[in-house]
Amino acid sequence: MPENTGRTPRKSAGRGSYAVGDARRQKILDTAVDHFGQWGFHASSLARIAHDCGITQGGLLHHFRSKEDLLLSVLAQSEQHDEESLFSVDPDSYADYLDTLVALIEENTRRPGIVRMFNVLVGESGNIGHPAHEYFRERYARVLRHTVALLEEGVRRGELRADTDCPAVAQEHLAVMDGLQIQWALDPSSMDMPARVGAYLRRRYAEIAAPQE
């Protein structure tokens, strides 16, 4: 039986250091979101991001190999959040999927830094040489494929009209949502973004919904 020395056991130094490292990494990611959202990728600097995190640039590079690596890590974190929100559960109907989109928009109003960063980086990444160009190209293609597949399933179920142009509707939905988010990011007081998106999606759904017998 171990001797009872009366001392309080110390926490594992290794476990504590991992927790500190994870917290520092997350702080860097959160700070990078703000910087990329304000200045874009090219005008942001690792030195300023590190300064705002209270660490040296060398300390930042311990977690992220380069500014490109930091950018892609920020995008991957945001992507994981969106995938868990949009793709983790198959909706019972296309109408249910639209409700999920509105819920995501509602959550985005509580993440203005992410919205600003997304808007800025999408604009920048139109340049083929931008480090996020391939990420955003693949992201839009993936979201469109997913939306088209749900629309086509709605047509097969008889929920939506047989003559629905599924790719066109999917592109419209994505364009309107992104466009309204740009306007909201410029002036959040200008609109109730979830309500505006929801109203559009309901109108468009009524146009493609199969007639009720």
N, C-alpha and C. Protein backbone atom coordinates (compact mmCIF):
# COMPACT_ATOMS: atom_id res chain seq x y z
N MET A 1 0.85 -1.19 0.00
CA MET A 1 0.00 0.00 0.00
C MET A 1 0.90 1.24 0.00
N PRO A 2 0.63 2.23 -0.90
CA PRO A 2 1.50 3.41 -0.95
C PRO A 2 1.46 4.20 0.34
N GLU A 3 2.58 4.78 0.68
CA GLU A 3 2.68 5.57 1.90
C GLU A 3 1.90 6.87 1.73
N ASN A 4 1.13 7.24 2.73
CA ASN A 4 0.39 8.49 2.72
C ASN A 4 1.27 9.58 3.30
N THR A 5 1.81 10.44 2.45
CA THR A 5 2.72 11.49 2.90
C THR A 5 2.00 12.74 3.34
N GLY A 6 0.67 12.82 3.04
CA GLY A 6 -0.08 14.02 3.39
C GLY A 6 0.03 15.12 2.37
N ARG A 7 0.81 14.89 1.28
CA ARG A 7 0.98 15.91 0.26
C ARG A 7 -0.10 15.76 -0.81
N THR A 8 -0.46 16.87 -1.38
CA THR A 8 -1.41 16.84 -2.48
C THR A 8 -0.68 16.45 -3.75
N PRO A 9 -1.12 15.40 -4.45
CA PRO A 9 -0.43 14.98 -5.68
C PRO A 9 -0.41 16.11 -6.69
N ARG A 10 0.74 16.27 -7.34
CA ARG A 10 0.86 17.29 -8.37
C ARG A 10 0.27 16.77 -9.68
N LYS A 11 -0.33 17.68 -10.45
CA LYS A 11 -0.84 17.30 -11.76
C LYS A 11 0.32 16.99 -12.68
N SER A 12 0.05 16.13 -13.62
CA SER A 12 1.07 15.76 -14.59
C SER A 12 1.54 16.99 -15.35
N ALA A 13 2.85 17.20 -15.35
CA ALA A 13 3.41 18.35 -16.06
C ALA A 13 3.12 18.25 -17.54
N GLY A 14 3.19 17.01 -18.07
CA GLY A 14 2.93 16.83 -19.49
C GLY A 14 1.52 17.23 -19.86
N ARG A 15 0.55 16.78 -19.08
CA ARG A 15 -0.85 17.09 -19.37
C ARG A 15 -1.09 18.60 -19.27
N GLY A 16 -0.50 19.23 -18.26
CA GLY A 16 -0.68 20.67 -18.13
C GLY A 16 -0.08 21.44 -19.28
N SER A 17 1.10 20.98 -19.74
CA SER A 17 1.74 21.69 -20.85
C SER A 17 0.94 21.55 -22.12
N TYR A 18 0.31 20.37 -22.31
CA TYR A 18 -0.55 20.19 -23.48
C TYR A 18 -1.73 21.15 -23.44
N ALA A 19 -2.32 21.31 -22.25
CA ALA A 19 -3.47 22.21 -22.11
C ALA A 19 -3.07 23.65 -22.41
N VAL A 20 -1.90 24.06 -21.92
CA VAL A 20 -1.40 25.40 -22.19
C VAL A 20 -1.15 25.58 -23.68
N GLY A 21 -0.55 24.55 -24.30
CA GLY A 21 -0.29 24.62 -25.73
C GLY A 21 -1.56 24.71 -26.55
N ASP A 22 -2.59 23.94 -26.17
CA ASP A 22 -3.86 23.98 -26.89
C ASP A 22 -4.52 25.34 -26.74
N ALA A 23 -4.47 25.90 -25.53
CA ALA A 23 -5.07 27.22 -25.30
C ALA A 23 -4.35 28.29 -26.11
N ARG A 24 -3.03 28.20 -26.16
CA ARG A 24 -2.26 29.19 -26.93
C ARG A 24 -2.55 29.06 -28.42
N ARG A 25 -2.64 27.84 -28.90
CA ARG A 25 -2.95 27.62 -30.31
C ARG A 25 -4.31 28.21 -30.66
N GLN A 26 -5.29 28.00 -29.76
CA GLN A 26 -6.62 28.54 -30.03
C GLN A 26 -6.62 30.06 -30.00
N LYS A 27 -5.86 30.65 -29.12
CA LYS A 27 -5.77 32.11 -29.06
C LYS A 27 -5.17 32.66 -30.35
N ILE A 28 -4.17 31.96 -30.88
CA ILE A 28 -3.57 32.38 -32.15
C ILE A 28 -4.60 32.32 -33.27
N LEU A 29 -5.37 31.23 -33.31
CA LEU A 29 -6.40 31.08 -34.34
C LEU A 29 -7.44 32.19 -34.23
N ASP A 30 -7.90 32.46 -33.01
CA ASP A 30 -8.92 33.49 -32.81
C ASP A 30 -8.38 34.87 -33.20
N THR A 31 -7.14 35.13 -32.86
CA THR A 31 -6.54 36.42 -33.20
C THR A 31 -6.36 36.55 -34.71
N ALA A 32 -5.97 35.46 -35.35
CA ALA A 32 -5.79 35.47 -36.80
C ALA A 32 -7.11 35.75 -37.51
N VAL A 33 -8.21 35.24 -36.99
CA VAL A 33 -9.52 35.53 -37.59
C VAL A 33 -9.74 37.04 -37.64
N ASP A 34 -9.47 37.72 -36.54
CA ASP A 34 -9.65 39.18 -36.49
C ASP A 34 -8.73 39.89 -37.48
N HIS A 35 -7.48 39.47 -37.55
CA HIS A 35 -6.52 40.13 -38.44
C HIS A 35 -6.86 39.89 -39.91
N PHE A 36 -7.16 38.64 -40.27
CA PHE A 36 -7.51 38.35 -41.65
C PHE A 36 -8.81 39.06 -42.04
N GLY A 37 -9.72 39.20 -41.07
CA GLY A 37 -10.98 39.89 -41.35
C GLY A 37 -10.80 41.39 -41.55
N GLN A 38 -9.82 41.98 -40.86
CA GLN A 38 -9.59 43.42 -40.99
C GLN A 38 -8.69 43.77 -42.17
N TRP A 39 -7.63 42.98 -42.38
CA TRP A 39 -6.62 43.37 -43.37
C TRP A 39 -6.46 42.37 -44.52
N GLY A 40 -7.20 41.25 -44.48
CA GLY A 40 -6.98 40.25 -45.50
C GLY A 40 -5.71 39.46 -45.24
N PHE A 41 -5.40 38.53 -46.13
CA PHE A 41 -4.24 37.68 -45.92
C PHE A 41 -2.94 38.43 -46.15
N HIS A 42 -2.82 39.09 -47.27
CA HIS A 42 -1.53 39.66 -47.66
C HIS A 42 -1.09 40.79 -46.73
N ALA A 43 -2.02 41.61 -46.26
CA ALA A 43 -1.65 42.74 -45.42
C ALA A 43 -1.52 42.37 -43.95
N SER A 44 -1.91 41.17 -43.58
CA SER A 44 -1.73 40.72 -42.19
C SER A 44 -0.29 40.23 -42.02
N SER A 45 0.21 40.36 -40.80
CA SER A 45 1.58 39.90 -40.55
C SER A 45 1.61 39.00 -39.32
N LEU A 46 2.47 38.00 -39.38
CA LEU A 46 2.64 37.11 -38.24
C LEU A 46 3.15 37.86 -37.02
N ALA A 47 3.97 38.89 -37.25
CA ALA A 47 4.51 39.65 -36.13
C ALA A 47 3.40 40.34 -35.35
N ARG A 48 2.44 40.97 -36.07
CA ARG A 48 1.33 41.64 -35.39
C ARG A 48 0.41 40.65 -34.70
N ILE A 49 0.16 39.51 -35.37
CA ILE A 49 -0.70 38.49 -34.75
C ILE A 49 -0.04 37.98 -33.47
N ALA A 50 1.26 37.70 -33.54
CA ALA A 50 1.97 37.22 -32.35
C ALA A 50 1.94 38.27 -31.23
N HIS A 51 2.16 39.53 -31.59
CA HIS A 51 2.14 40.60 -30.59
C HIS A 51 0.81 40.65 -29.87
N ASP A 52 -0.29 40.54 -30.63
CA ASP A 52 -1.62 40.61 -30.02
C ASP A 52 -1.94 39.37 -29.19
N CYS A 53 -1.19 38.30 -29.40
CA CYS A 53 -1.35 37.10 -28.59
C CYS A 53 -0.44 37.12 -27.36
N GLY A 54 0.46 38.12 -27.31
CA GLY A 54 1.38 38.20 -26.18
C GLY A 54 2.53 37.21 -26.27
N ILE A 55 2.88 36.81 -27.51
CA ILE A 55 3.98 35.87 -27.69
C ILE A 55 4.91 36.42 -28.77
N THR A 56 6.05 35.76 -28.94
CA THR A 56 6.97 36.15 -30.01
C THR A 56 6.55 35.50 -31.31
N GLN A 57 7.09 36.03 -32.41
CA GLN A 57 6.79 35.41 -33.70
C GLN A 57 7.33 33.98 -33.73
N GLY A 58 8.47 33.76 -33.09
CA GLY A 58 9.01 32.41 -33.00
C GLY A 58 8.07 31.48 -32.25
N GLY A 59 7.42 32.01 -31.19
CA GLY A 59 6.46 31.21 -30.46
C GLY A 59 5.26 30.85 -31.31
N LEU A 60 4.83 31.79 -32.14
CA LEU A 60 3.71 31.50 -33.06
C LEU A 60 4.12 30.42 -34.05
N LEU A 61 5.34 30.53 -34.59
CA LEU A 61 5.80 29.56 -35.58
C LEU A 61 6.03 28.18 -34.99
N HIS A 62 6.06 28.09 -33.67
CA HIS A 62 6.11 26.78 -33.02
C HIS A 62 4.82 26.01 -33.27
N HIS A 63 3.71 26.75 -33.41
CA HIS A 63 2.39 26.12 -33.62
C HIS A 63 2.00 26.07 -35.09
N PHE A 64 2.42 27.05 -35.87
CA PHE A 64 2.05 27.13 -37.28
C PHE A 64 3.31 27.44 -38.09
N ARG A 65 3.56 26.65 -39.11
CA ARG A 65 4.82 26.73 -39.84
C ARG A 65 4.99 28.03 -40.63
N SER A 66 3.88 28.64 -41.02
CA SER A 66 3.95 29.82 -41.89
C SER A 66 2.61 30.55 -41.82
N LYS A 67 2.54 31.73 -42.45
CA LYS A 67 1.28 32.45 -42.51
C LYS A 67 0.26 31.66 -43.32
N GLU A 68 0.71 30.99 -44.38
CA GLU A 68 -0.20 30.15 -45.17
C GLU A 68 -0.77 29.01 -44.33
N ASP A 69 0.08 28.39 -43.52
CA ASP A 69 -0.37 27.31 -42.65
C ASP A 69 -1.40 27.83 -41.64
N LEU A 70 -1.16 29.01 -41.10
CA LEU A 70 -2.10 29.60 -40.15
C LEU A 70 -3.43 29.89 -40.83
N LEU A 71 -3.38 30.45 -42.03
CA LEU A 71 -4.62 30.74 -42.77
C LEU A 71 -5.43 29.47 -43.00
N LEU A 72 -4.79 28.43 -43.50
CA LEU A 72 -5.50 27.20 -43.80
C LEU A 72 -6.03 26.53 -42.53
N SER A 73 -5.31 26.70 -41.42
CA SER A 73 -5.79 26.15 -40.14
C SER A 73 -7.03 26.90 -39.66
N VAL A 74 -7.04 28.22 -39.83
CA VAL A 74 -8.22 29.02 -39.48
C VAL A 74 -9.42 28.58 -40.31
N LEU A 75 -9.21 28.40 -41.60
CA LEU A 75 -10.30 27.98 -42.49
C LEU A 75 -10.77 26.57 -42.15
N ALA A 76 -9.85 25.69 -41.82
CA ALA A 76 -10.22 24.32 -41.47
C ALA A 76 -11.08 24.29 -40.21
N GLN A 77 -10.76 25.15 -39.23
CA GLN A 77 -11.55 25.20 -38.01
C GLN A 77 -12.97 25.68 -38.31
N SER A 78 -13.09 26.71 -39.14
CA SER A 78 -14.40 27.22 -39.52
C SER A 78 -15.17 26.17 -40.33
N GLU A 79 -14.46 25.48 -41.20
CA GLU A 79 -15.09 24.45 -42.03
C GLU A 79 -15.66 23.33 -41.17
N GLN A 80 -14.90 22.92 -40.16
CA GLN A 80 -15.37 21.86 -39.28
C GLN A 80 -16.67 22.27 -38.59
N HIS A 81 -16.72 23.52 -38.15
CA HIS A 81 -17.93 24.01 -37.49
C HIS A 81 -19.12 23.95 -38.45
N ASP A 82 -18.93 24.42 -39.69
CA ASP A 82 -20.03 24.46 -40.64
C ASP A 82 -20.46 23.05 -41.04
N GLU A 83 -19.51 22.15 -41.18
CA GLU A 83 -19.86 20.77 -41.55
C GLU A 83 -20.68 20.11 -40.45
N GLU A 84 -20.30 20.37 -39.20
CA GLU A 84 -21.07 19.80 -38.10
C GLU A 84 -22.47 20.38 -38.05
N SER A 85 -22.61 21.64 -38.47
CA SER A 85 -23.93 22.29 -38.45
C SER A 85 -24.79 21.86 -39.63
N LEU A 86 -24.18 21.70 -40.81
CA LEU A 86 -24.96 21.48 -42.03
C LEU A 86 -25.02 20.03 -42.48
N PHE A 87 -23.95 19.28 -42.28
CA PHE A 87 -23.84 17.99 -42.92
C PHE A 87 -23.88 16.80 -41.98
N SER A 88 -23.95 17.03 -40.69
CA SER A 88 -23.85 15.92 -39.74
C SER A 88 -25.11 15.07 -39.71
N VAL A 89 -26.26 15.65 -40.05
CA VAL A 89 -27.54 14.92 -40.02
C VAL A 89 -28.26 15.13 -41.34
N ASP A 90 -28.75 14.04 -41.93
CA ASP A 90 -29.52 14.16 -43.17
C ASP A 90 -30.91 14.68 -42.84
N PRO A 91 -31.33 15.77 -43.49
CA PRO A 91 -32.67 16.32 -43.20
C PRO A 91 -33.77 15.43 -43.75
N ASP A 92 -34.94 15.48 -43.14
CA ASP A 92 -36.08 14.68 -43.60
C ASP A 92 -36.69 15.26 -44.87
N SER A 93 -36.47 16.53 -45.12
CA SER A 93 -37.03 17.19 -46.31
C SER A 93 -36.15 18.36 -46.68
N TYR A 94 -36.38 18.90 -47.88
CA TYR A 94 -35.61 20.09 -48.26
C TYR A 94 -36.02 21.28 -47.40
N ALA A 95 -37.27 21.32 -47.00
CA ALA A 95 -37.73 22.39 -46.12
C ALA A 95 -36.96 22.37 -44.80
N ASP A 96 -36.69 21.16 -44.28
CA ASP A 96 -35.91 21.04 -43.04
C ASP A 96 -34.49 21.55 -43.25
N TYR A 97 -33.90 21.28 -44.41
CA TYR A 97 -32.56 21.75 -44.72
C TYR A 97 -32.52 23.27 -44.72
N LEU A 98 -33.56 23.91 -45.27
CA LEU A 98 -33.60 25.37 -45.29
C LEU A 98 -33.66 25.92 -43.87
N ASP A 99 -34.38 25.24 -42.98
CA ASP A 99 -34.40 25.66 -41.58
C ASP A 99 -33.00 25.60 -40.97
N THR A 100 -32.22 24.57 -41.36
CA THR A 100 -30.85 24.43 -40.87
C THR A 100 -29.99 25.59 -41.37
N LEU A 101 -30.20 26.00 -42.63
CA LEU A 101 -29.44 27.14 -43.16
C LEU A 101 -29.74 28.41 -42.38
N VAL A 102 -31.00 28.64 -42.08
CA VAL A 102 -31.37 29.84 -41.32
C VAL A 102 -30.76 29.79 -39.92
N ALA A 103 -30.74 28.61 -39.32
CA ALA A 103 -30.13 28.47 -37.99
C ALA A 103 -28.63 28.78 -38.05
N LEU A 104 -27.97 28.37 -39.14
CA LEU A 104 -26.55 28.68 -39.28
C LEU A 104 -26.33 30.18 -39.45
N ILE A 105 -27.19 30.83 -40.23
CA ILE A 105 -27.12 32.28 -40.39
C ILE A 105 -27.31 32.97 -39.04
N GLU A 106 -28.26 32.48 -38.27
CA GLU A 106 -28.50 33.03 -36.93
C GLU A 106 -27.24 32.93 -36.08
N GLU A 107 -26.57 31.77 -36.15
CA GLU A 107 -25.35 31.61 -35.38
C GLU A 107 -24.24 32.53 -35.89
N ASN A 108 -24.21 32.75 -37.19
CA ASN A 108 -23.18 33.62 -37.75
C ASN A 108 -23.30 35.06 -37.26
N THR A 109 -24.51 35.48 -36.89
CA THR A 109 -24.66 36.83 -36.34
C THR A 109 -23.93 36.96 -35.00
N ARG A 110 -23.65 35.83 -34.37
CA ARG A 110 -22.90 35.84 -33.11
C ARG A 110 -21.41 35.59 -33.35
N ARG A 111 -21.02 35.47 -34.64
CA ARG A 111 -19.61 35.27 -34.99
C ARG A 111 -19.22 36.29 -36.07
N PRO A 112 -19.37 37.58 -35.79
CA PRO A 112 -19.12 38.58 -36.84
C PRO A 112 -17.70 38.55 -37.38
N GLY A 113 -16.73 38.19 -36.54
CA GLY A 113 -15.35 38.12 -37.01
C GLY A 113 -15.18 37.07 -38.09
N ILE A 114 -15.82 35.92 -37.92
CA ILE A 114 -15.75 34.85 -38.92
C ILE A 114 -16.38 35.32 -40.22
N VAL A 115 -17.53 36.00 -40.12
CA VAL A 115 -18.22 36.47 -41.33
C VAL A 115 -17.35 37.48 -42.07
N ARG A 116 -16.77 38.43 -41.34
CA ARG A 116 -15.90 39.43 -41.98
C ARG A 116 -14.70 38.76 -42.66
N MET A 117 -14.08 37.82 -41.95
CA MET A 117 -12.93 37.14 -42.52
C MET A 117 -13.31 36.38 -43.79
N PHE A 118 -14.43 35.68 -43.74
CA PHE A 118 -14.89 34.91 -44.90
C PHE A 118 -15.10 35.84 -46.09
N ASN A 119 -15.78 36.96 -45.86
CA ASN A 119 -16.04 37.89 -46.96
C ASN A 119 -14.76 38.41 -47.59
N VAL A 120 -13.81 38.80 -46.73
CA VAL A 120 -12.55 39.35 -47.22
C VAL A 120 -11.76 38.30 -48.00
N LEU A 121 -11.67 37.10 -47.44
CA LEU A 121 -10.84 36.08 -48.07
C LEU A 121 -11.45 35.54 -49.35
N VAL A 122 -12.78 35.45 -49.41
CA VAL A 122 -13.42 35.02 -50.66
C VAL A 122 -13.07 35.99 -51.77
N GLY A 123 -13.14 37.30 -51.47
CA GLY A 123 -12.80 38.30 -52.48
C GLY A 123 -11.36 38.19 -52.93
N GLU A 124 -10.44 38.03 -51.97
CA GLU A 124 -9.02 37.91 -52.30
C GLU A 124 -8.72 36.65 -53.10
N SER A 125 -9.40 35.57 -52.78
CA SER A 125 -9.03 34.27 -53.32
C SER A 125 -9.46 34.08 -54.77
N GLY A 126 -10.09 35.10 -55.37
CA GLY A 126 -10.36 35.02 -56.79
C GLY A 126 -9.07 34.97 -57.59
N ASN A 127 -7.98 35.44 -57.00
CA ASN A 127 -6.66 35.35 -57.61
C ASN A 127 -6.15 33.91 -57.49
N ILE A 128 -5.82 33.30 -58.60
CA ILE A 128 -5.41 31.90 -58.60
C ILE A 128 -4.20 31.67 -57.70
N GLY A 129 -3.34 32.66 -57.54
CA GLY A 129 -2.16 32.50 -56.72
C GLY A 129 -2.41 32.63 -55.23
N HIS A 130 -3.62 32.96 -54.82
CA HIS A 130 -3.92 33.12 -53.40
C HIS A 130 -3.90 31.77 -52.71
N PRO A 131 -3.33 31.67 -51.49
CA PRO A 131 -3.23 30.37 -50.82
C PRO A 131 -4.58 29.74 -50.47
N ALA A 132 -5.66 30.55 -50.44
CA ALA A 132 -6.98 29.99 -50.14
C ALA A 132 -7.82 29.78 -51.40
N HIS A 133 -7.24 30.02 -52.58
CA HIS A 133 -8.01 29.89 -53.82
C HIS A 133 -8.60 28.49 -53.96
N GLU A 134 -7.79 27.47 -53.80
CA GLU A 134 -8.26 26.10 -53.98
C GLU A 134 -9.25 25.72 -52.89
N TYR A 135 -9.01 26.19 -51.68
CA TYR A 135 -9.94 25.90 -50.58
C TYR A 135 -11.34 26.40 -50.91
N PHE A 136 -11.45 27.68 -51.31
CA PHE A 136 -12.78 28.22 -51.56
C PHE A 136 -13.40 27.62 -52.82
N ARG A 137 -12.61 27.32 -53.83
CA ARG A 137 -13.16 26.67 -55.02
C ARG A 137 -13.77 25.33 -54.66
N GLU A 138 -13.05 24.54 -53.87
CA GLU A 138 -13.55 23.23 -53.47
C GLU A 138 -14.73 23.36 -52.51
N ARG A 139 -14.69 24.36 -51.64
CA ARG A 139 -15.77 24.53 -50.68
C ARG A 139 -17.08 24.84 -51.38
N TYR A 140 -17.06 25.79 -52.31
CA TYR A 140 -18.28 26.13 -53.04
C TYR A 140 -18.78 24.93 -53.84
N ALA A 141 -17.86 24.21 -54.47
CA ALA A 141 -18.27 23.04 -55.25
C ALA A 141 -18.92 21.99 -54.35
N ARG A 142 -18.36 21.78 -53.16
CA ARG A 142 -18.89 20.78 -52.24
C ARG A 142 -20.26 21.18 -51.72
N VAL A 143 -20.42 22.44 -51.33
CA VAL A 143 -21.72 22.89 -50.82
C VAL A 143 -22.77 22.82 -51.93
N LEU A 144 -22.40 23.19 -53.15
CA LEU A 144 -23.35 23.11 -54.26
C LEU A 144 -23.75 21.67 -54.53
N ARG A 145 -22.79 20.75 -54.54
CA ARG A 145 -23.13 19.34 -54.76
C ARG A 145 -24.10 18.84 -53.69
N HIS A 146 -23.82 19.20 -52.46
CA HIS A 146 -24.68 18.77 -51.36
C HIS A 146 -26.10 19.33 -51.52
N THR A 147 -26.20 20.60 -51.86
CA THR A 147 -27.51 21.25 -52.00
C THR A 147 -28.27 20.68 -53.19
N VAL A 148 -27.58 20.49 -54.31
CA VAL A 148 -28.22 19.91 -55.49
C VAL A 148 -28.74 18.51 -55.18
N ALA A 149 -27.94 17.71 -54.46
CA ALA A 149 -28.38 16.36 -54.12
C ALA A 149 -29.65 16.39 -53.26
N LEU A 150 -29.74 17.33 -52.33
CA LEU A 150 -30.95 17.43 -51.49
C LEU A 150 -32.15 17.89 -52.31
N LEU A 151 -31.91 18.82 -53.24
CA LEU A 151 -33.00 19.26 -54.12
C LEU A 151 -33.49 18.11 -54.99
N GLU A 152 -32.58 17.36 -55.56
CA GLU A 152 -32.96 16.24 -56.42
C GLU A 152 -33.71 15.18 -55.63
N GLU A 153 -33.31 14.96 -54.38
CA GLU A 153 -34.03 14.02 -53.53
C GLU A 153 -35.44 14.54 -53.25
N GLY A 154 -35.58 15.86 -53.06
CA GLY A 154 -36.90 16.45 -52.86
C GLY A 154 -37.79 16.26 -54.08
N VAL A 155 -37.20 16.34 -55.26
CA VAL A 155 -37.97 16.09 -56.49
C VAL A 155 -38.42 14.63 -56.54
N ARG A 156 -37.52 13.71 -56.24
CA ARG A 156 -37.86 12.27 -56.27
C ARG A 156 -38.94 11.92 -55.27
N ARG A 157 -38.91 12.59 -54.11
CA ARG A 157 -39.92 12.32 -53.07
C ARG A 157 -41.26 12.92 -53.42
N GLY A 158 -41.29 13.82 -54.37
CA GLY A 158 -42.54 14.51 -54.68
C GLY A 158 -42.74 15.76 -53.85
N GLU A 159 -41.74 16.15 -53.08
CA GLU A 159 -41.83 17.38 -52.28
C GLU A 159 -41.70 18.61 -53.18
N LEU A 160 -40.86 18.50 -54.20
CA LEU A 160 -40.59 19.62 -55.09
C LEU A 160 -41.07 19.31 -56.50
N ARG A 161 -41.29 20.34 -57.27
CA ARG A 161 -41.79 20.18 -58.63
C ARG A 161 -40.80 19.41 -59.49
N ALA A 162 -41.34 18.62 -60.41
CA ALA A 162 -40.49 17.78 -61.26
C ALA A 162 -39.61 18.61 -62.19
N ASP A 163 -40.05 19.84 -62.54
CA ASP A 163 -39.28 20.67 -63.47
C ASP A 163 -38.31 21.61 -62.75
N THR A 164 -38.04 21.37 -61.48
CA THR A 164 -37.11 22.22 -60.73
C THR A 164 -35.71 22.12 -61.32
N ASP A 165 -35.12 23.27 -61.62
CA ASP A 165 -33.73 23.31 -62.09
C ASP A 165 -32.84 23.31 -60.85
N CYS A 166 -32.47 22.12 -60.39
CA CYS A 166 -31.79 21.99 -59.10
C CYS A 166 -30.45 22.73 -59.04
N PRO A 167 -29.58 22.63 -60.04
CA PRO A 167 -28.32 23.39 -59.96
C PRO A 167 -28.55 24.89 -59.88
N ALA A 168 -29.50 25.41 -60.66
CA ALA A 168 -29.76 26.86 -60.65
C ALA A 168 -30.29 27.31 -59.29
N VAL A 169 -31.20 26.55 -58.72
CA VAL A 169 -31.76 26.91 -57.41
C VAL A 169 -30.67 26.88 -56.35
N ALA A 170 -29.82 25.86 -56.39
CA ALA A 170 -28.73 25.77 -55.41
C ALA A 170 -27.78 26.96 -55.52
N GLN A 171 -27.43 27.35 -56.74
CA GLN A 171 -26.55 28.51 -56.93
C GLN A 171 -27.21 29.79 -56.44
N GLU A 172 -28.51 29.95 -56.68
CA GLU A 172 -29.23 31.13 -56.20
C GLU A 172 -29.21 31.20 -54.69
N HIS A 173 -29.50 30.08 -54.04
CA HIS A 173 -29.54 30.07 -52.58
C HIS A 173 -28.19 30.52 -52.01
N LEU A 174 -27.11 29.96 -52.55
CA LEU A 174 -25.79 30.28 -52.05
C LEU A 174 -25.44 31.74 -52.31
N ALA A 175 -25.80 32.24 -53.50
CA ALA A 175 -25.48 33.62 -53.86
C ALA A 175 -26.24 34.61 -52.98
N VAL A 176 -27.51 34.36 -52.74
CA VAL A 176 -28.30 35.27 -51.92
C VAL A 176 -27.81 35.27 -50.48
N MET A 177 -27.54 34.09 -49.94
CA MET A 177 -27.06 34.02 -48.56
C MET A 177 -25.74 34.75 -48.39
N ASP A 178 -24.79 34.51 -49.30
CA ASP A 178 -23.49 35.18 -49.19
C ASP A 178 -23.64 36.68 -49.41
N GLY A 179 -24.49 37.09 -50.36
CA GLY A 179 -24.68 38.51 -50.63
C GLY A 179 -25.26 39.24 -49.44
N LEU A 180 -26.24 38.64 -48.78
CA LEU A 180 -26.84 39.28 -47.60
C LEU A 180 -25.85 39.33 -46.45
N GLN A 181 -24.99 38.31 -46.33
CA GLN A 181 -24.00 38.33 -45.27
C GLN A 181 -22.97 39.44 -45.50
N ILE A 182 -22.63 39.71 -46.76
CA ILE A 182 -21.72 40.82 -47.05
C ILE A 182 -22.35 42.14 -46.61
N GLN A 183 -23.61 42.35 -46.98
CA GLN A 183 -24.29 43.60 -46.60
C GLN A 183 -24.40 43.71 -45.09
N TRP A 184 -24.71 42.61 -44.42
CA TRP A 184 -24.84 42.63 -42.96
C TRP A 184 -23.50 42.95 -42.31
N ALA A 185 -22.41 42.35 -42.83
CA ALA A 185 -21.10 42.59 -42.24
C ALA A 185 -20.70 44.06 -42.35
N LEU A 186 -21.10 44.72 -43.44
CA LEU A 186 -20.79 46.13 -43.61
C LEU A 186 -21.59 47.02 -42.65
N ASP A 187 -22.82 46.60 -42.36
CA ASP A 187 -23.69 47.39 -41.47
C ASP A 187 -24.67 46.46 -40.78
N PRO A 188 -24.28 45.84 -39.65
CA PRO A 188 -25.15 44.88 -38.98
C PRO A 188 -26.52 45.43 -38.59
N SER A 189 -26.60 46.75 -38.41
CA SER A 189 -27.89 47.34 -38.02
C SER A 189 -28.84 47.50 -39.21
N SER A 190 -28.36 47.21 -40.41
CA SER A 190 -29.17 47.45 -41.61
C SER A 190 -30.25 46.41 -41.82
N MET A 191 -30.13 45.26 -41.18
CA MET A 191 -31.12 44.21 -41.40
C MET A 191 -31.07 43.16 -40.31
N ASP A 192 -32.17 42.44 -40.18
CA ASP A 192 -32.22 41.21 -39.39
C ASP A 192 -31.84 40.10 -40.36
N MET A 193 -30.57 39.74 -40.39
CA MET A 193 -30.09 38.84 -41.44
C MET A 193 -30.79 37.48 -41.44
N PRO A 194 -30.96 36.79 -40.32
CA PRO A 194 -31.66 35.50 -40.38
C PRO A 194 -33.09 35.65 -40.90
N ALA A 195 -33.78 36.71 -40.49
CA ALA A 195 -35.15 36.91 -40.98
C ALA A 195 -35.17 37.17 -42.47
N ARG A 196 -34.21 37.96 -42.96
CA ARG A 196 -34.16 38.28 -44.39
C ARG A 196 -33.85 37.03 -45.21
N VAL A 197 -32.86 36.25 -44.76
CA VAL A 197 -32.53 35.02 -45.46
C VAL A 197 -33.71 34.05 -45.41
N GLY A 198 -34.32 33.91 -44.24
CA GLY A 198 -35.45 32.99 -44.10
C GLY A 198 -36.61 33.38 -44.99
N ALA A 199 -36.89 34.68 -45.11
CA ALA A 199 -38.00 35.13 -45.96
C ALA A 199 -37.73 34.79 -47.42
N TYR A 200 -36.49 35.01 -47.86
CA TYR A 200 -36.15 34.67 -49.25
C TYR A 200 -36.31 33.17 -49.49
N LEU A 201 -35.74 32.35 -48.59
CA LEU A 201 -35.79 30.91 -48.78
C LEU A 201 -37.22 30.40 -48.78
N ARG A 202 -38.09 30.96 -47.95
CA ARG A 202 -39.50 30.53 -47.93
C ARG A 202 -40.19 30.89 -49.24
N ARG A 203 -39.93 32.11 -49.76
CA ARG A 203 -40.53 32.50 -51.03
C ARG A 203 -40.08 31.58 -52.16
N ARG A 204 -38.79 31.32 -52.18
CA ARG A 204 -38.26 30.48 -53.27
C ARG A 204 -38.77 29.05 -53.13
N TYR A 205 -38.89 28.57 -51.90
CA TYR A 205 -39.41 27.22 -51.68
C TYR A 205 -40.85 27.11 -52.17
N ALA A 206 -41.65 28.13 -51.90
CA ALA A 206 -43.05 28.09 -52.35
C ALA A 206 -43.14 28.01 -53.86
N GLU A 207 -42.17 28.58 -54.58
CA GLU A 207 -42.17 28.55 -56.04
C GLU A 207 -41.82 27.18 -56.60
N ILE A 208 -41.01 26.40 -55.88
CA ILE A 208 -40.59 25.10 -56.40
C ILE A 208 -41.31 23.93 -55.71
N ALA A 209 -42.10 24.21 -54.69
CA ALA A 209 -42.80 23.13 -53.99
C ALA A 209 -43.86 22.50 -54.91
N ALA A 210 -43.97 21.19 -54.83
CA ALA A 210 -44.97 20.50 -55.65
C ALA A 210 -46.37 20.90 -55.20
N PRO A 211 -47.31 21.02 -56.13
CA PRO A 211 -48.69 21.39 -55.76
C PRO A 211 -49.28 20.36 -54.80
N GLN A 212 -50.01 20.85 -53.84
CA GLN A 212 -50.67 19.98 -52.88
C GLN A 212 -51.98 19.45 -53.47
N GLU A 213 -52.15 18.15 -53.41
CA GLU A 213 -53.39 17.56 -53.96
C GLU A 213 -54.53 17.68 -52.96
